[in-house]
Protein backbone atom coordinates (compact mmCIF):
# COMPACT_ATOMS: atom_id res chain seq x y z
CA MET A 1 145.28 94.46 11.16
CA GLU A 2 144.06 96.60 14.01
CA VAL A 3 143.03 95.13 17.36
CA LYS A 4 140.61 97.21 19.42
CA LEU A 5 140.45 96.61 23.16
CA LEU A 6 138.11 97.99 25.78
CA ILE A 7 139.31 98.16 29.38
CA VAL A 8 136.26 98.40 31.66
CA TYR A 9 136.67 99.05 35.36
CA ASP A 10 134.77 99.85 38.52
CA SER A 11 136.72 101.65 41.22
CA TYR A 12 135.76 103.05 44.60
CA THR A 13 139.16 104.03 46.00
CA GLY A 14 141.11 104.49 42.76
CA ASN A 15 143.04 101.22 43.13
CA THR A 16 141.21 99.36 40.36
CA GLU A 17 141.41 102.44 38.15
CA GLU A 18 145.19 102.56 38.59
CA MET A 19 145.34 98.89 37.62
CA ALA A 20 143.15 99.56 34.55
CA LYS A 21 145.55 102.25 33.36
CA ALA A 22 148.47 99.81 33.66
CA VAL A 23 146.53 97.14 31.70
CA ALA A 24 145.93 99.76 29.00
CA GLU A 25 149.65 100.65 28.94
CA GLY A 26 150.60 97.02 28.37
CA ALA A 27 148.02 96.58 25.62
CA GLU A 28 149.13 99.76 23.85
CA LYS A 29 152.77 98.65 24.10
CA ALA A 30 151.74 95.45 22.28
CA GLY A 31 150.18 97.51 19.48
CA ALA A 32 146.48 97.50 20.32
CA LYS A 33 144.14 100.46 20.06
CA VAL A 34 142.80 100.85 23.61
CA VAL A 35 139.84 102.64 25.14
CA LEU A 36 139.42 102.91 28.91
CA LYS A 37 135.90 103.26 30.34
CA LYS A 38 134.34 103.31 33.77
CA VAL A 39 131.69 100.62 34.09
CA GLU A 40 128.84 103.14 34.08
CA GLU A 41 130.03 104.58 30.74
CA VAL A 42 129.76 101.27 28.86
CA ILE A 43 126.86 100.72 26.46
CA ALA A 44 125.62 97.51 24.83
CA GLU A 45 127.11 98.47 21.45
CA ASP A 46 130.60 98.48 23.00
CA PHE A 47 130.43 94.71 23.28
CA MET A 48 130.10 94.38 19.53
CA GLU A 49 132.59 97.13 18.59
CA TYR A 50 135.69 95.79 20.38
CA ASP A 51 137.75 92.66 19.74
CA GLY A 52 138.90 92.09 23.31
CA PHE A 53 138.11 93.21 26.83
CA ALA A 54 139.69 93.47 30.26
CA PHE A 55 137.25 93.82 33.15
CA GLY A 56 138.46 95.19 36.48
CA THR A 57 136.51 95.17 39.70
CA PRO A 58 136.93 95.87 43.37
CA THR A 59 136.38 92.67 45.32
CA HIS A 60 133.05 92.64 47.16
CA CYS A 61 132.49 89.61 49.39
CA GLY A 62 134.73 87.52 47.12
CA THR A 63 132.97 88.46 43.89
CA MET A 64 132.66 91.29 41.37
CA SER A 65 131.08 94.59 42.39
CA SER A 66 127.35 95.16 41.98
CA LYS A 67 128.04 97.73 39.22
CA MET A 68 130.09 95.20 37.26
CA ASN A 69 127.40 92.57 37.77
CA MET A 70 124.79 95.05 36.50
CA LEU A 71 126.92 95.61 33.40
CA PHE A 72 126.59 91.96 32.46
CA THR A 73 123.05 91.29 33.65
CA LYS A 74 121.46 94.42 32.17
CA VAL A 75 123.63 96.58 29.88
CA ALA A 76 125.44 93.84 27.93
CA MET A 77 122.47 91.49 27.59
CA PRO A 78 121.78 92.42 23.92
CA ALA A 79 125.29 91.11 23.09
CA TRP A 80 124.78 87.78 24.85
CA GLY A 81 125.45 84.92 22.44
CA ARG A 82 127.10 87.25 19.92
CA MET A 83 130.58 87.45 21.48
CA LYS A 84 132.16 84.54 19.56
CA GLY A 85 135.82 85.22 18.83
CA LYS A 86 136.23 87.98 21.39
CA VAL A 87 138.84 87.64 24.12
CA GLY A 88 138.39 88.61 27.76
CA ALA A 89 140.53 89.00 30.86
CA ALA A 90 139.97 89.97 34.50
CA PHE A 91 141.67 91.92 37.27
CA SER A 92 140.64 92.90 40.79
CA SER A 93 141.64 94.76 43.91
CA SER A 94 140.69 94.18 47.52
CA GLY A 95 141.08 95.92 50.83
CA GLY A 96 143.13 93.17 52.46
CA LEU A 97 144.55 89.67 52.33
CA GLY A 98 141.88 87.00 52.17
CA GLY A 99 139.49 89.46 50.52
CA GLY A 100 138.75 87.11 47.64
CA ASN A 101 140.63 88.71 44.74
CA GLU A 102 141.02 85.48 42.80
CA MET A 103 137.36 84.63 43.41
CA ALA A 104 136.40 88.04 42.03
CA CYS A 105 138.50 87.34 38.92
CA LEU A 106 136.90 83.92 38.59
CA SER A 107 133.41 85.42 38.89
CA LEU A 108 134.30 87.72 35.99
CA ILE A 109 135.80 84.82 34.01
CA LEU A 110 132.66 82.72 34.50
CA THR A 111 130.59 85.61 33.19
CA ILE A 112 132.95 86.18 30.25
CA LEU A 113 132.66 82.50 29.34
CA ASN A 114 128.88 82.67 29.65
CA TYR A 115 128.92 85.38 26.98
CA GLY A 116 130.90 83.08 24.68
CA MET A 117 134.19 84.91 24.98
CA LEU A 118 137.60 83.24 25.18
CA VAL A 119 139.87 83.56 28.21
CA PHE A 120 143.49 82.72 28.91
CA GLY A 121 145.75 82.09 31.89
CA ILE A 122 149.14 83.64 32.57
CA PRO A 123 151.61 81.47 34.49
CA ASP A 124 154.45 84.03 34.31
CA TYR A 125 155.93 85.39 37.54
CA VAL A 126 156.50 89.14 37.43
CA ALA A 127 158.25 89.23 40.82
CA PRO A 128 159.06 86.63 43.48
CA GLY A 129 155.73 85.12 44.53
CA VAL A 130 153.69 87.37 42.19
CA THR A 131 151.87 85.73 39.30
CA LEU A 132 148.54 86.31 37.62
CA HIS A 133 147.04 82.91 36.82
CA TYR A 134 143.41 84.12 36.70
CA GLY A 135 144.16 87.81 36.27
CA ALA A 136 146.07 90.56 38.02
CA VAL A 137 145.21 91.20 41.67
CA SER A 138 146.10 93.87 44.19
CA VAL A 139 145.70 94.08 47.93
CA GLY A 140 145.25 97.76 48.64
CA ARG A 141 146.99 100.34 46.49
CA PRO A 142 148.81 98.57 43.65
CA LYS A 143 152.56 98.41 44.13
CA GLU A 144 155.01 98.28 41.21
CA ASP A 145 154.96 94.45 40.99
CA VAL A 146 151.15 94.53 40.66
CA LEU A 147 151.34 97.26 38.00
CA LYS A 148 153.90 95.12 36.18
CA ALA A 149 151.41 92.22 36.32
CA CYS A 150 148.68 94.52 34.95
CA ARG A 151 150.89 95.62 32.07
CA LEU A 152 151.65 91.97 31.29
CA LEU A 153 147.91 91.19 31.36
CA GLY A 154 147.35 93.99 28.83
CA GLU A 155 150.18 92.75 26.60
CA ARG A 156 148.87 89.19 26.59
CA LEU A 157 145.31 90.39 25.98
CA ALA A 158 146.48 92.30 22.92
CA GLU A 159 148.60 89.39 21.65
CA TYR A 160 145.90 86.74 22.06
CA THR A 161 143.22 89.01 20.65
CA PHE A 162 145.37 89.61 17.57
CA ILE A 163 145.91 85.86 17.13
CA VAL A 164 142.22 85.05 17.52
CA LYS A 165 141.05 87.88 15.26
CA ARG A 166 143.54 86.94 12.55
CA GLY A 167 142.57 83.28 12.80
CA MET A 168 138.85 84.08 12.65
CA GLU A 169 139.34 86.24 9.57
CA ARG A 170 141.28 83.47 7.83
CA TYR A 171 138.68 80.91 8.86
CA LEU A 172 135.84 83.02 7.49
CA ARG A 173 137.75 83.52 4.21
CA ASN A 174 138.52 79.75 4.11
CA ASP A 175 142.30 80.35 3.82
């Protein structure tokens, strides 16, 4: 069974893009087919084509970027209510400590849930003091421990998407 993931990101400085590439690496390592797209390249049909998604955003005033918000409020609207069984995850970067990275991830998670997608938490520590409960976060340019967290996010996204997709297929076949 093939799992198809879409990694969508918005990036102003290249930091979120670097994180997106690491998420994709982790997902590919776990066996998923991965496509990476900038937020402005995504079309409504993408939401129906893929099994799982990771959304990455720069942190703007403690929330997702305006481009990422536009993706959900305009572009993806035809898919609203039709995302049952799809898995989503979040990651963000900010310019400094206290920039609101986790709030940006939570704003994405709330939106993902609103679309009917499933989310997951990751309690694993990838380095001393570095975990990714709500998603991977970076302050400034991502260092190796952040990239490790992004790769783990991608791996878990692929694993959970596989489990959900397989379970949904069995459920629909009544196995």
